Structure formats: structure tokens, C-alpha cells
C-alpha atoms as a PDB file:
ATOM      1  CA  MET A   1      37.388  -7.948  -9.355  1.00  0.00           C
ATOM      2  CA  CYS A   2      35.952 -10.799 -11.397  1.00  0.00           C
ATOM      3  CA  ASP A   3      37.814 -14.091 -11.723  1.00  0.00           C
ATOM      4  CA  VAL A   4      39.671 -14.965 -14.908  1.00  0.00           C
ATOM      5  CA  ASN A   5      36.892 -17.279 -16.123  1.00  0.00           C
ATOM      6  CA  GLN A   6      34.146 -14.756 -15.319  1.00  0.00           C
ATOM      7  CA  THR A   7      32.909 -11.783 -17.300  1.00  0.00           C
ATOM      8  CA  GLU A   8      32.028  -8.544 -15.596  1.00  0.00           C
ATOM      9  CA  VAL A   9      28.335  -7.794 -15.938  1.00  0.00           C
ATOM     10  CA  THR A  10      27.520  -4.447 -17.553  1.00  0.00           C
ATOM     11  CA  GLU A  11      23.836  -5.143 -18.219  1.00  0.00           C
ATOM     12  CA  PHE A  12      21.078  -7.062 -16.497  1.00  0.00           C
ATOM     13  CA  LEU A  13      18.475  -9.012 -18.441  1.00  0.00           C
ATOM     14  CA  ILE A  14      15.058  -8.587 -16.812  1.00  0.00           C
ATOM     15  CA  LEU A  15      12.872 -11.533 -17.824  1.00  0.00           C
ATOM     16  CA  GLY A  16       9.476 -10.260 -16.712  1.00  0.00           C
ATOM     17  CA  PHE A  17       6.627 -12.780 -16.823  1.00  0.00           C
ATOM     18  CA  LYS A  18       8.365 -15.575 -18.667  1.00  0.00           C
ATOM     19  CA  GLY A  19       6.015 -18.350 -19.714  1.00  0.00           C
ATOM     20  CA  LEU A  20       3.246 -15.795 -20.228  1.00  0.00           C
ATOM     21  CA  TYR A  21       4.720 -14.133 -23.296  1.00  0.00           C
ATOM     22  CA  LYS A  22       1.783 -15.227 -25.456  1.00  0.00           C
ATOM     23  CA  TYR A  23      -0.521 -13.266 -23.136  1.00  0.00           C
ATOM     24  CA  LYS A  24       1.692 -10.193 -23.103  1.00  0.00           C
ATOM     25  CA  PHE A  25      -0.813  -7.856 -24.768  1.00  0.00           C
ATOM     26  CA  LEU A  26      -3.526  -8.894 -22.331  1.00  0.00           C
ATOM     27  CA  LEU A  27      -1.155  -8.370 -19.372  1.00  0.00           C
ATOM     28  CA  PHE A  28       0.010  -5.053 -20.806  1.00  0.00           C
ATOM     29  CA  ILE A  29      -3.555  -3.752 -21.178  1.00  0.00           C
ATOM     30  CA  LEU A  30      -4.566  -5.053 -17.731  1.00  0.00           C
ATOM     31  CA  PHE A  31      -1.610  -3.510 -15.877  1.00  0.00           C
ATOM     32  CA  LEU A  32      -1.800  -0.277 -17.875  1.00  0.00           C
ATOM     33  CA  PHE A  33      -5.494  -0.018 -16.985  1.00  0.00           C
ATOM     34  CA  CYS A  34      -4.671  -0.556 -13.286  1.00  0.00           C
ATOM     35  CA  TYR A  35      -1.925   2.071 -13.491  1.00  0.00           C
ATOM     36  CA  LEU A  36      -4.282   4.604 -15.080  1.00  0.00           C
ATOM     37  CA  ILE A  37      -6.852   3.940 -12.350  1.00  0.00           C
ATOM     38  CA  ILE A  38      -4.149   4.551  -9.726  1.00  0.00           C
ATOM     39  CA  LEU A  39      -3.133   7.824 -11.376  1.00  0.00           C
ATOM     40  CA  ALA A  40      -6.709   9.026 -11.900  1.00  0.00           C
ATOM     41  CA  GLY A  41      -7.972   8.029  -8.446  1.00  0.00           C
ATOM     42  CA  ASN A  42      -5.059   9.453  -6.486  1.00  0.00           C
ATOM     43  CA  LEU A  43      -4.867  12.624  -8.591  1.00  0.00           C
ATOM     44  CA  LEU A  44      -8.573  13.136  -7.908  1.00  0.00           C
ATOM     45  CA  ILE A  45      -7.910  12.875  -4.168  1.00  0.00           C
ATOM     46  CA  ILE A  46      -5.025  15.369  -4.464  1.00  0.00           C
ATOM     47  CA  VAL A  47      -7.106  17.872  -6.445  1.00  0.00           C
ATOM     48  CA  LEU A  48     -10.124  17.584  -4.134  1.00  0.00           C
ATOM     49  CA  VAL A  49      -8.140  18.059  -0.933  1.00  0.00           C
ATOM     50  CA  SER A  50      -6.104  20.912  -2.443  1.00  0.00           C
ATOM     51  CA  THR A  51      -9.076  22.892  -3.779  1.00  0.00           C
ATOM     52  CA  LYS A  52     -12.045  22.169  -1.478  1.00  0.00           C
ATOM     53  CA  HIS A  53     -12.078  24.087   1.811  1.00  0.00           C
ATOM     54  CA  ASN A  54     -14.301  21.563   3.572  1.00  0.00           C
ATOM     55  CA  LEU A  55     -11.481  19.010   3.169  1.00  0.00           C
ATOM     56  CA  ASN A  56      -8.902  21.321   4.714  1.00  0.00           C
ATOM     57  CA  THR A  57      -8.314  19.138   7.786  1.00  0.00           C
ATOM     58  CA  PRO A  58      -5.233  17.281   9.076  1.00  0.00           C
ATOM     59  CA  MET A  59      -6.691  13.873   8.154  1.00  0.00           C
ATOM     60  CA  PHE A  60      -7.264  14.828   4.515  1.00  0.00           C
ATOM     61  CA  TYR A  61      -3.910  16.599   4.413  1.00  0.00           C
ATOM     62  CA  PHE A  62      -2.282  13.264   5.217  1.00  0.00           C
ATOM     63  CA  VAL A  63      -4.576  11.451   2.767  1.00  0.00           C
ATOM     64  CA  LYS A  64      -3.395  13.828   0.028  1.00  0.00           C
ATOM     65  CA  HIS A  65       0.249  13.040   0.725  1.00  0.00           C
ATOM     66  CA  LEU A  66      -0.566   9.325   0.862  1.00  0.00           C
ATOM     67  CA  ALA A  67      -2.021   9.715  -2.641  1.00  0.00           C
ATOM     68  CA  VAL A  68       1.213  11.422  -3.762  1.00  0.00           C
ATOM     69  CA  ALA A  69       3.238   8.596  -2.222  1.00  0.00           C
ATOM     70  CA  ASP A  70       1.097   5.968  -3.970  1.00  0.00           C
ATOM     71  CA  ILE A  71       1.633   7.647  -7.344  1.00  0.00           C
ATOM     72  CA  LEU A  72       5.393   7.927  -6.860  1.00  0.00           C
ATOM     73  CA  SER A  73       5.893   4.406  -5.486  1.00  0.00           C
ATOM     74  CA  THR A  74       3.864   2.929  -8.344  1.00  0.00           C
ATOM     75  CA  THR A  75       5.506   5.049 -11.039  1.00  0.00           C
ATOM     76  CA  THR A  76       8.973   3.848 -10.025  1.00  0.00           C
ATOM     77  CA  ILE A  77       8.071   0.278 -11.046  1.00  0.00           C
ATOM     78  CA  VAL A  78       5.045   0.073 -13.361  1.00  0.00           C
ATOM     79  CA  PRO A  79       6.519   1.861 -16.443  1.00  0.00           C
ATOM     80  CA  MET A  80       9.510  -0.509 -16.389  1.00  0.00           C
ATOM     81  CA  MET A  81       7.188  -3.482 -15.892  1.00  0.00           C
ATOM     82  CA  LEU A  82       5.066  -2.437 -18.891  1.00  0.00           C
ATOM     83  CA  ASN A  83       8.206  -2.031 -20.994  1.00  0.00           C
ATOM     84  CA  VAL A  84       9.427  -5.495 -20.018  1.00  0.00           C
ATOM     85  CA  ILE A  85       6.035  -7.042 -20.812  1.00  0.00           C
ATOM     86  CA  LEU A  86       5.804  -5.335 -24.202  1.00  0.00           C
ATOM     87  CA  TYR A  87       9.263  -6.453 -25.336  1.00  0.00           C
ATOM     88  CA  ASP A  88       9.179  -9.849 -23.542  1.00  0.00           C
ATOM     89  CA  MET A  89      12.395  -8.972 -21.705  1.00  0.00           C
ATOM     90  CA  LYS A  90      14.595  -5.947 -21.276  1.00  0.00           C
ATOM     91  CA  GLU A  91      18.323  -5.256 -21.022  1.00  0.00           C
ATOM     92  CA  VAL A  92      19.144  -2.644 -18.407  1.00  0.00           C
ATOM     93  CA  PRO A  93      22.621  -1.215 -17.639  1.00  0.00           C
ATOM     94  CA  VAL A  94      23.864  -2.043 -14.162  1.00  0.00           C
ATOM     95  CA  TRP A  95      23.980   1.626 -13.114  1.00  0.00           C
ATOM     96  CA  SER A  96      20.402   2.119 -14.355  1.00  0.00           C
ATOM     97  CA  CYS A  97      19.188  -0.921 -12.439  1.00  0.00           C
ATOM     98  CA  LEU A  98      20.844   0.275  -9.227  1.00  0.00           C
ATOM     99  CA  PHE A  99      19.440   3.786  -9.689  1.00  0.00           C
ATOM    100  CA  HIS A 100      16.003   2.262 -10.208  1.00  0.00           C
ATOM    101  CA  LEU A 101      16.437   0.309  -6.966  1.00  0.00           C
ATOM    102  CA  TYR A 102      17.402   3.572  -5.251  1.00  0.00           C
ATOM    103  CA  MET A 103      14.110   5.145  -6.397  1.00  0.00           C
ATOM    104  CA  VAL A 104      12.234   2.100  -5.119  1.00  0.00           C
ATOM    105  CA  TYR A 105      13.909   2.551  -1.719  1.00  0.00           C
ATOM    106  CA  ILE A 106      13.054   6.254  -1.533  1.00  0.00           C
ATOM    107  CA  PHE A 107       9.414   6.022  -2.579  1.00  0.00           C
ATOM    108  CA  GLY A 108       8.604   2.444  -1.596  1.00  0.00           C
ATOM    109  CA  PHE A 109       8.516   3.101   2.156  1.00  0.00           C
ATOM    110  CA  SER A 110       6.732   6.463   1.945  1.00  0.00           C
ATOM    111  CA  PRO A 111       3.169   5.025   2.204  1.00  0.00           C
ATOM    112  CA  ILE A 112       4.103   3.106   5.364  1.00  0.00           C
ATOM    113  CA  ASN A 113       5.537   6.227   7.029  1.00  0.00           C
ATOM    114  CA  LEU A 114       2.465   8.288   6.154  1.00  0.00           C
ATOM    115  CA  ILE A 115       0.113   5.552   7.378  1.00  0.00           C
ATOM    116  CA  THR A 116       1.991   5.637  10.701  1.00  0.00           C
ATOM    117  CA  VAL A 117       1.576   9.407  10.925  1.00  0.00           C
ATOM    118  CA  MET A 118      -2.127   9.025  10.123  1.00  0.00           C
ATOM    119  CA  SER A 119      -2.532   6.499  12.952  1.00  0.00           C
ATOM    120  CA  TYR A 120      -1.255   9.128  15.412  1.00  0.00           C
ATOM    121  CA  ASP A 121      -3.750  11.591  13.946  1.00  0.00           C
ATOM    122  CA  ARG A 122      -6.571   9.072  14.495  1.00  0.00           C
ATOM    123  CA  TYR A 123      -5.321   8.433  18.041  1.00  0.00           C
ATOM    124  CA  LEU A 124      -5.544  12.137  18.881  1.00  0.00           C
ATOM    125  CA  ALA A 125      -8.977  12.472  17.245  1.00  0.00           C
ATOM    126  CA  ILE A 126     -10.445   9.652  19.386  1.00  0.00           C
ATOM    127  CA  CYS A 127      -8.392   9.678  22.578  1.00  0.00           C
ATOM    128  CA  ARG A 128      -7.531  13.391  22.901  1.00  0.00           C
ATOM    129  CA  PRO A 129     -10.384  15.196  21.119  1.00  0.00           C
ATOM    130  CA  MET A 130     -10.182  18.328  23.311  1.00  0.00           C
ATOM    131  CA  ARG A 131      -6.504  18.836  22.454  1.00  0.00           C
ATOM    132  CA  TYR A 132      -6.710  17.699  18.824  1.00  0.00           C
ATOM    133  CA  ASN A 133      -7.019  21.139  17.208  1.00  0.00           C
ATOM    134  CA  SER A 134      -4.311  22.667  19.389  1.00  0.00           C
ATOM    135  CA  ILE A 135      -1.837  19.856  18.604  1.00  0.00           C
ATOM    136  CA  MET A 136      -2.552  19.221  14.928  1.00  0.00           C
ATOM    137  CA  GLN A 137      -1.732  22.721  13.716  1.00  0.00           C
ATOM    138  CA  PRO A 138      -0.848  23.160  10.007  1.00  0.00           C
ATOM    139  CA  HIS A 139       2.853  23.647  10.744  1.00  0.00           C
ATOM    140  CA  VAL A 140       2.871  20.471  12.861  1.00  0.00           C
ATOM    141  CA  CYS A 141       1.215  18.474  10.066  1.00  0.00           C
ATOM    142  CA  PHE A 142       3.747  19.856   7.597  1.00  0.00           C
ATOM    143  CA  LYS A 143       6.665  18.833   9.825  1.00  0.00           C
ATOM    144  CA  MET A 144       5.223  15.341  10.283  1.00  0.00           C
ATOM    145  CA  VAL A 145       4.855  14.844   6.532  1.00  0.00           C
ATOM    146  CA  LEU A 146       8.295  16.345   5.869  1.00  0.00           C
ATOM    147  CA  GLY A 147       9.778  14.035   8.493  1.00  0.00           C
ATOM    148  CA  SER A 148       8.171  10.973   6.915  1.00  0.00           C
ATOM    149  CA  TRP A 149       9.609  11.885   3.499  1.00  0.00           C
ATOM    150  CA  PHE A 150      13.034  12.663   4.987  1.00  0.00           C
ATOM    151  CA  PHE A 151      12.952   9.283   6.744  1.00  0.00           C
ATOM    152  CA  ASN A 152      12.841   7.619   3.317  1.00  0.00           C
ATOM    153  CA  PHE A 153      16.094   9.284   2.293  1.00  0.00           C
ATOM    154  CA  VAL A 154      17.701   8.112   5.545  1.00  0.00           C
ATOM    155  CA  LEU A 155      16.603   4.532   4.848  1.00  0.00           C
ATOM    156  CA  SER A 156      18.002   4.729   1.313  1.00  0.00           C
ATOM    157  CA  CYS A 157      21.523   5.056   2.769  1.00  0.00           C
ATOM    158  CA  GLU A 158      21.658   1.281   2.305  1.00  0.00           C
ATOM    159  CA  MET A 159      22.320   1.995  -1.367  1.00  0.00           C
ATOM    160  CA  ILE A 160      25.845   3.112  -0.401  1.00  0.00           C
ATOM    161  CA  PHE A 161      26.639  -0.575   0.068  1.00  0.00           C
ATOM    162  CA  VAL A 162      24.611  -1.701  -2.951  1.00  0.00           C
ATOM    163  CA  TRP A 163      26.553   0.582  -5.308  1.00  0.00           C
ATOM    164  CA  GLN A 164      29.774  -1.179  -4.259  1.00  0.00           C
ATOM    165  CA  LEU A 165      28.564  -4.632  -5.292  1.00  0.00           C
ATOM    166  CA  GLU A 166      30.302  -6.435  -8.139  1.00  0.00           C
ATOM    167  CA  PHE A 167      28.462  -8.619 -10.621  1.00  0.00           C
ATOM    168  CA  CYS A 168      30.206 -11.325 -12.594  1.00  0.00           C
ATOM    169  CA  GLY A 169      28.853 -14.183 -14.679  1.00  0.00           C
ATOM    170  CA  SER A 170      25.070 -14.448 -14.530  1.00  0.00           C
ATOM    171  CA  ASN A 171      23.084 -11.317 -15.324  1.00  0.00           C
ATOM    172  CA  THR A 172      19.507 -12.663 -15.419  1.00  0.00           C
ATOM    173  CA  ILE A 173      16.864 -11.075 -13.157  1.00  0.00           C
ATOM    174  CA  ASP A 174      13.788 -13.290 -13.034  1.00  0.00           C
ATOM    175  CA  HIS A 175      11.430 -10.473 -12.117  1.00  0.00           C
ATOM    176  CA  PHE A 176       9.788  -7.441 -13.731  1.00  0.00           C
ATOM    177  CA  PHE A 177      11.979  -4.872 -11.953  1.00  0.00           C
ATOM    178  CA  CYS A 178      15.376  -4.679 -10.258  1.00  0.00           C
ATOM    179  CA  ASP A 179      14.611  -6.636  -7.107  1.00  0.00           C
ATOM    180  CA  PHE A 180      17.001  -6.322  -4.173  1.00  0.00           C
ATOM    181  CA  ARG A 181      16.874  -9.993  -3.181  1.00  0.00           C
ATOM    182  CA  ILE A 182      17.773 -11.154  -6.684  1.00  0.00           C
ATOM    183  CA  LEU A 183      20.665  -8.702  -6.887  1.00  0.00           C
ATOM    184  CA  LEU A 184      22.043 -10.179  -3.674  1.00  0.00           C
ATOM    185  CA  GLU A 185      21.922 -13.617  -5.292  1.00  0.00           C
ATOM    186  CA  LEU A 186      23.713 -12.403  -8.434  1.00  0.00           C
ATOM    187  CA  THR A 187      26.535 -10.471  -6.829  1.00  0.00           C
ATOM    188  CA  THR A 188      29.957 -12.018  -6.303  1.00  0.00           C
ATOM    189  CA  SER A 189      30.782  -9.581  -3.496  1.00  0.00           C
ATOM    190  CA  ASP A 190      30.617 -10.334   0.203  1.00  0.00           C
ATOM    191  CA  THR A 191      27.074  -9.427   1.285  1.00  0.00           C
ATOM    192  CA  LEU A 192      27.321 -10.128   5.026  1.00  0.00           C
ATOM    193  CA  LEU A 193      27.467  -6.457   6.036  1.00  0.00           C
ATOM    194  CA  LEU A 194      24.813  -5.456   3.512  1.00  0.00           C
ATOM    195  CA  THR A 195      22.484  -8.214   4.722  1.00  0.00           C
ATOM    196  CA  LEU A 196      22.928  -7.060   8.307  1.00  0.00           C
ATOM    197  CA  VAL A 197      22.266  -3.422   7.370  1.00  0.00           C
ATOM    198  CA  ASP A 198      19.204  -4.447   5.373  1.00  0.00           C
ATOM    199  CA  PHE A 199      17.854  -6.435   8.331  1.00  0.00           C
ATOM    200  CA  VAL A 200      18.292  -3.484  10.720  1.00  0.00           C
ATOM    201  CA  LEU A 201      16.724  -1.009   8.296  1.00  0.00           C
ATOM    202  CA  THR A 202      13.806  -3.372   7.669  1.00  0.00           C
ATOM    203  CA  ILE A 203      13.143  -3.437  11.416  1.00  0.00           C
ATOM    204  CA  ILE A 204      13.271   0.360  11.508  1.00  0.00           C
ATOM    205  CA  ALA A 205      11.214   0.856   8.339  1.00  0.00           C
ATOM    206  CA  ALA A 206       8.474  -1.739   8.816  1.00  0.00           C
ATOM    207  CA  VAL A 207       8.384  -3.294  12.288  1.00  0.00           C
ATOM    208  CA  ILE A 208       8.712  -0.096  14.354  1.00  0.00           C
ATOM    209  CA  PRO A 209       6.004   1.758  12.365  1.00  0.00           C
ATOM    210  CA  PHE A 210       3.728  -1.260  12.744  1.00  0.00           C
ATOM    211  CA  ALA A 211       4.352  -1.252  16.506  1.00  0.00           C
ATOM    212  CA  LEU A 212       3.436   2.456  16.675  1.00  0.00           C
ATOM    213  CA  ILE A 213       0.260   1.817  14.676  1.00  0.00           C
ATOM    214  CA  LEU A 214      -0.609  -1.091  16.960  1.00  0.00           C
ATOM    215  CA  ILE A 215      -0.116   1.040  20.082  1.00  0.00           C
ATOM    216  CA  SER A 216      -2.321   3.773  18.606  1.00  0.00           C
ATOM    217  CA  TYR A 217      -5.137   1.368  17.807  1.00  0.00           C
ATOM    218  CA  LEU A 218      -4.898  -0.428  21.129  1.00  0.00           C
ATOM    219  CA  SER A 219      -5.382   2.942  22.809  1.00  0.00           C
ATOM    220  CA  ILE A 220      -8.313   3.687  20.493  1.00  0.00           C
ATOM    221  CA  PHE A 221      -9.799   0.254  21.223  1.00  0.00           C
ATOM    222  CA  PHE A 222      -9.749   0.843  24.990  1.00  0.00           C
ATOM    223  CA  ILE A 223     -11.376   4.251  24.547  1.00  0.00           C
ATOM    224  CA  ILE A 224     -14.064   2.745  22.314  1.00  0.00           C
ATOM    225  CA  MET A 225     -14.786   0.107  24.956  1.00  0.00           C
ATOM    226  CA  ILE A 226     -15.343   2.871  27.512  1.00  0.00           C
ATOM    227  CA  LEU A 227     -17.784   4.698  25.254  1.00  0.00           C
ATOM    228  CA  SER A 228     -21.307   3.722  26.243  1.00  0.00           C
ATOM    229  CA  SER A 229     -23.313   5.654  23.641  1.00  0.00           C
ATOM    230  CA  THR A 230     -24.093   4.163  20.256  1.00  0.00           C
ATOM    231  CA  SER A 231     -23.393   7.500  18.588  1.00  0.00           C
ATOM    232  CA  GLY A 232     -19.932   7.602  20.164  1.00  0.00           C
ATOM    233  CA  LEU A 233     -19.112   4.140  18.910  1.00  0.00           C
ATOM    234  CA  SER A 234     -20.403   4.979  15.434  1.00  0.00           C
ATOM    235  CA  LYS A 235     -18.313   8.152  15.295  1.00  0.00           C
ATOM    236  CA  ALA A 236     -15.194   6.305  16.423  1.00  0.00           C
ATOM    237  CA  PHE A 237     -15.581   3.586  13.799  1.00  0.00           C
ATOM    238  CA  SER A 238     -16.327   6.101  11.035  1.00  0.00           C
ATOM    239  CA  THR A 239     -13.265   8.114  12.036  1.00  0.00           C
ATOM    240  CA  CYS A 240     -10.883   5.135  11.954  1.00  0.00           C
ATOM    241  CA  GLY A 241     -12.541   2.803   9.436  1.00  0.00           C
ATOM    242  CA  SER A 242     -10.839   4.045   6.261  1.00  0.00           C
ATOM    243  CA  HIS A 243      -7.391   4.259   7.830  1.00  0.00           C
ATOM    244  CA  LEU A 244      -7.684   0.847   9.479  1.00  0.00           C
ATOM    245  CA  THR A 245      -8.655  -0.672   6.132  1.00  0.00           C
ATOM    246  CA  THR A 246      -5.587   0.931   4.533  1.00  0.00           C
ATOM    247  CA  VAL A 247      -3.354  -0.430   7.305  1.00  0.00           C
ATOM    248  CA  CYS A 248      -4.710  -3.951   6.810  1.00  0.00           C
ATOM    249  CA  ILE A 249      -4.164  -3.823   3.038  1.00  0.00           C
ATOM    250  CA  TYR A 250      -0.595  -2.496   3.224  1.00  0.00           C
ATOM    251  CA  TYR A 251       0.666  -4.665   6.035  1.00  0.00           C
ATOM    252  CA  GLY A 252      -1.270  -7.671   4.805  1.00  0.00           C
ATOM    253  CA  THR A 253       0.570  -7.536   1.479  1.00  0.00           C
ATOM    254  CA  ILE A 254       3.918  -6.850   3.174  1.00  0.00           C
ATOM    255  CA  VAL A 255       3.512  -9.886   5.425  1.00  0.00           C
ATOM    256  CA  MET A 256       2.613 -12.077   2.438  1.00  0.00           C
ATOM    257  CA  ILE A 257       5.651 -10.885   0.458  1.00  0.00           C
ATOM    258  CA  TYR A 258       8.425 -10.440   2.997  1.00  0.00           C
ATOM    259  CA  MET A 259       7.515 -12.374   6.123  1.00  0.00           C
ATOM    260  CA  SER A 260       6.839 -15.726   4.466  1.00  0.00           C
ATOM    261  CA  PRO A 261       9.892 -17.802   3.443  1.00  0.00           C
ATOM    262  CA  SER A 262      10.771 -16.865  -0.141  1.00  0.00           C
ATOM    263  CA  ASN A 263      12.743 -20.073  -0.706  1.00  0.00           C
ATOM    264  CA  ASP A 264       9.495 -22.056  -0.616  1.00  0.00           C
ATOM    265  CA  ARG A 265       7.877 -19.916  -3.295  1.00  0.00           C
ATOM    266  CA  SER A 266       8.381 -20.001  -7.039  1.00  0.00           C
ATOM    267  CA  SER A 267       9.570 -16.921  -8.908  1.00  0.00           C
ATOM    268  CA  SER A 268       6.108 -16.573 -10.473  1.00  0.00           C
ATOM    269  CA  THR A 269       4.494 -16.525  -7.036  1.00  0.00           C
ATOM    270  CA  ASN A 270       6.931 -13.823  -5.894  1.00  0.00           C
ATOM    271  CA  LYS A 271       6.024 -11.701  -8.916  1.00  0.00           C
ATOM    272  CA  PHE A 272       2.289 -11.925  -8.406  1.00  0.00           C
ATOM    273  CA  LEU A 273       2.630 -11.265  -4.677  1.00  0.00           C
ATOM    274  CA  SER A 274       4.665  -8.155  -5.525  1.00  0.00           C
ATOM    275  CA  LEU A 275       1.779  -6.967  -7.684  1.00  0.00           C
ATOM    276  CA  LEU A 276      -0.397  -6.838  -4.562  1.00  0.00           C
ATOM    277  CA  TYR A 277       1.837  -4.155  -3.061  1.00  0.00           C
ATOM    278  CA  ILE A 278       2.666  -2.358  -6.319  1.00  0.00           C
ATOM    279  CA  LEU A 279      -0.809  -2.199  -7.896  1.00  0.00           C
ATOM    280  CA  VAL A 280      -3.582  -3.373  -5.586  1.00  0.00           C
ATOM    281  CA  SER A 281      -2.822  -1.238  -2.515  1.00  0.00           C
ATOM    282  CA  PRO A 282      -2.401   2.107  -4.350  1.00  0.00           C
ATOM    283  CA  MET A 283      -5.500   1.335  -6.432  1.00  0.00           C
ATOM    284  CA  MET A 284      -7.628   0.583  -3.365  1.00  0.00           C
ATOM    285  CA  ASN A 285      -6.802   3.715  -1.350  1.00  0.00           C
ATOM    286  CA  PRO A 286      -8.812   6.221  -3.448  1.00  0.00           C
ATOM    287  CA  ILE A 287     -11.736   3.781  -3.458  1.00  0.00           C
ATOM    288  CA  ILE A 288     -11.537   3.332   0.320  1.00  0.00           C
ATOM    289  CA  TYR A 289     -11.415   7.056   1.095  1.00  0.00           C
ATOM    290  CA  SER A 290     -14.032   8.070  -1.470  1.00  0.00           C
ATOM    291  CA  LEU A 291     -16.567   5.343  -0.644  1.00  0.00           C
ATOM    292  CA  ARG A 292     -16.181   5.197   3.141  1.00  0.00           C
ATOM    293  CA  ASN A 293     -15.792   8.919   3.814  1.00  0.00           C
ATOM    294  CA  GLN A 294     -18.898  11.105   3.795  1.00  0.00           C
ATOM    295  CA  GLU A 295     -16.973  14.331   3.197  1.00  0.00           C
ATOM    296  CA  ILE A 296     -15.294  12.949   0.079  1.00  0.00           C
ATOM    297  CA  ARG A 297     -18.593  11.547  -1.221  1.00  0.00           C
ATOM    298  CA  ARG A 298     -20.385  14.826  -0.568  1.00  0.00           C
ATOM    299  CA  THR A 299     -17.639  16.832  -2.285  1.00  0.00           C
ATOM    300  CA  LEU A 300     -17.653  14.529  -5.302  1.00  0.00           C
ATOM    301  CA  HIS A 301     -21.437  14.754  -5.528  1.00  0.00           C
ATOM    302  CA  GLN A 302     -21.304  18.577  -5.434  1.00  0.00           C
ATOM    303  CA  MET A 303     -18.533  18.654  -8.037  1.00  0.00           C
ATOM    304  CA  PHE A 304     -20.435  16.393 -10.458  1.00  0.00           C
ATOM    305  CA  ARG A 305     -23.635  18.337  -9.897  1.00  0.00           C
ATOM    306  CA  GLN A 306     -21.823  21.561 -10.811  1.00  0.00           C
ATOM    307  CA  CYS A 307     -20.441  19.952 -13.964  1.00  0.00           C
ATOM    308  CA  TYR A 308     -23.857  18.800 -15.144  1.00  0.00           C
END
């Protein structure tokens, strides 16, 4: 319960990019353009992999689901961000803000889980090529993707504690969406247990997947070192290049946002760093897989040639 001199918060005021209100139309057009590129690029990947038989392989199956994850994770935040920018700030009911945070939890970790699954696929392709087809059967790929999505719902159990938080007094969120760290600062409830749960789940959701990816690529690295032929090295790099680039982009942005001390950064810096994960990473994935992958380029070339 709130104290006598405190008012229970029923709405949060999301400030957005305060200080940049005079550039709001420019920001709105820029971020809307980025969002449309994300939708178009990832939808193109989904359509290509779903309709072209030459892309019916485990790697592209995972790429398709990564594209779905990028669309969902971006769509949970960008529409609200555009709304906040357009109206300078936005009042959001507490329940709506917490539900929005729940969606961020469910879809926000999905790219990381799928990238981890893809690293195992790359490990098998390089280190166990003779057993690759027998292991990566369609039903196995389906179970791996289903498990990665189910894992997101398990991680979102943290919201059980978030829904029990009480908010009294200040209701200002200096961000463009309902950020978990800011909600912890605003609540008047005891957050010790929630902070501990969040720390454990962060280890499970980010550190353990990164360790699995690292193990996979260390194994690939040792195999590549054994390969003596130039063609073998070229094939190995072409097989892993796109995925390794995706790993670097995702974990590079995560390290910049969450691993560096947030107390030393201004709120504006936190917002623009968040944009790296929300907009830049999902926008880069279709470019990476279409430019670096010969099969995607060949399929696109055939599709455009048929159209014209």
C-alpha cells in the first residue's frame, strides 16, 4: 500500500526522446523507414525460404524463424516508440505497460535462442558432416525451434513478480518503452527477490547461450585449423560467415547495453544504445543473409528475372 502522502500510480508517462521534440517528424520518418525495412527484409526471407525448394535446408529453416523472431521482437517496441515520438510523450496505464514488458520478455530473447540453435547447426555442418543429414531431420529442427520459443515463455515467468510491484508517487519513464530497469527504480515495493530472479534468468538467457555458441565456434576453429586445403577453408568460412556476423552484431549490442555500467551513462545514451538492439540488428540480418549467401542471391536473381 502507498503511504498517506503518496498517490498510487495508475498511469505511466513515457517521455520518449525529450530534448529532441523539435526533430520529432524527422525521427518519426527515420524510425518508420527502418521499421519498414525490417518488415520487408525479414518477410522476404520468410517467403523465399517457405516457397523455394532449393532453400529447404535446416540452416534456412532456422534463418526463417530468426526472421520471424526479428519481426516480433521489433514490433513489440517500435509502434509504441513511434506513437511516443509523434505525440511527444504518452500516458500508458500501468497494466498496459506491464503487459508490454511481458511481450518484450517473450519475444526479446527469441533471436538469441535461435542464434544458439543455429550455432549447433553450423557445428554439425563443419565438424560432423557425415552425420549432419541423419541428425538434422525436419522433426528435429522443428523440436529445436519449438524448444527455443518455449524457452522464452519459461523466462517470462519473472513477470509473476513484476505484476506484484506497487507504484506510488513518481510515474515518469524516461525512455521510449516500458523499460524494466526504470520500473525497478519507480516501484516502492521490495525488489530484492525480483533483482535476484532477474540476475539468474539473465545468466540463463544470455550467458549460457553465449557459452554454447563459443564452444561451437571453438570446435569449428580447431577443425578449420586441421583443414589443409584452400577449398576446405573457403567452404568452412562461407558456411559460418553469415551466422558469425549475426552473433557479433547481437552480442555486441547486448554487451554495450547491459554489460557496461548504466549509472555512468545518461538516459539519452541508454535510449540510443537500445536502438542498436531494437532496430539495427533486425535490419542487418536480411542484408547479411542475402548478400553473403549464394543460395539466397541466386534465388533472388531468379525471382527478379521471372518478374521482368
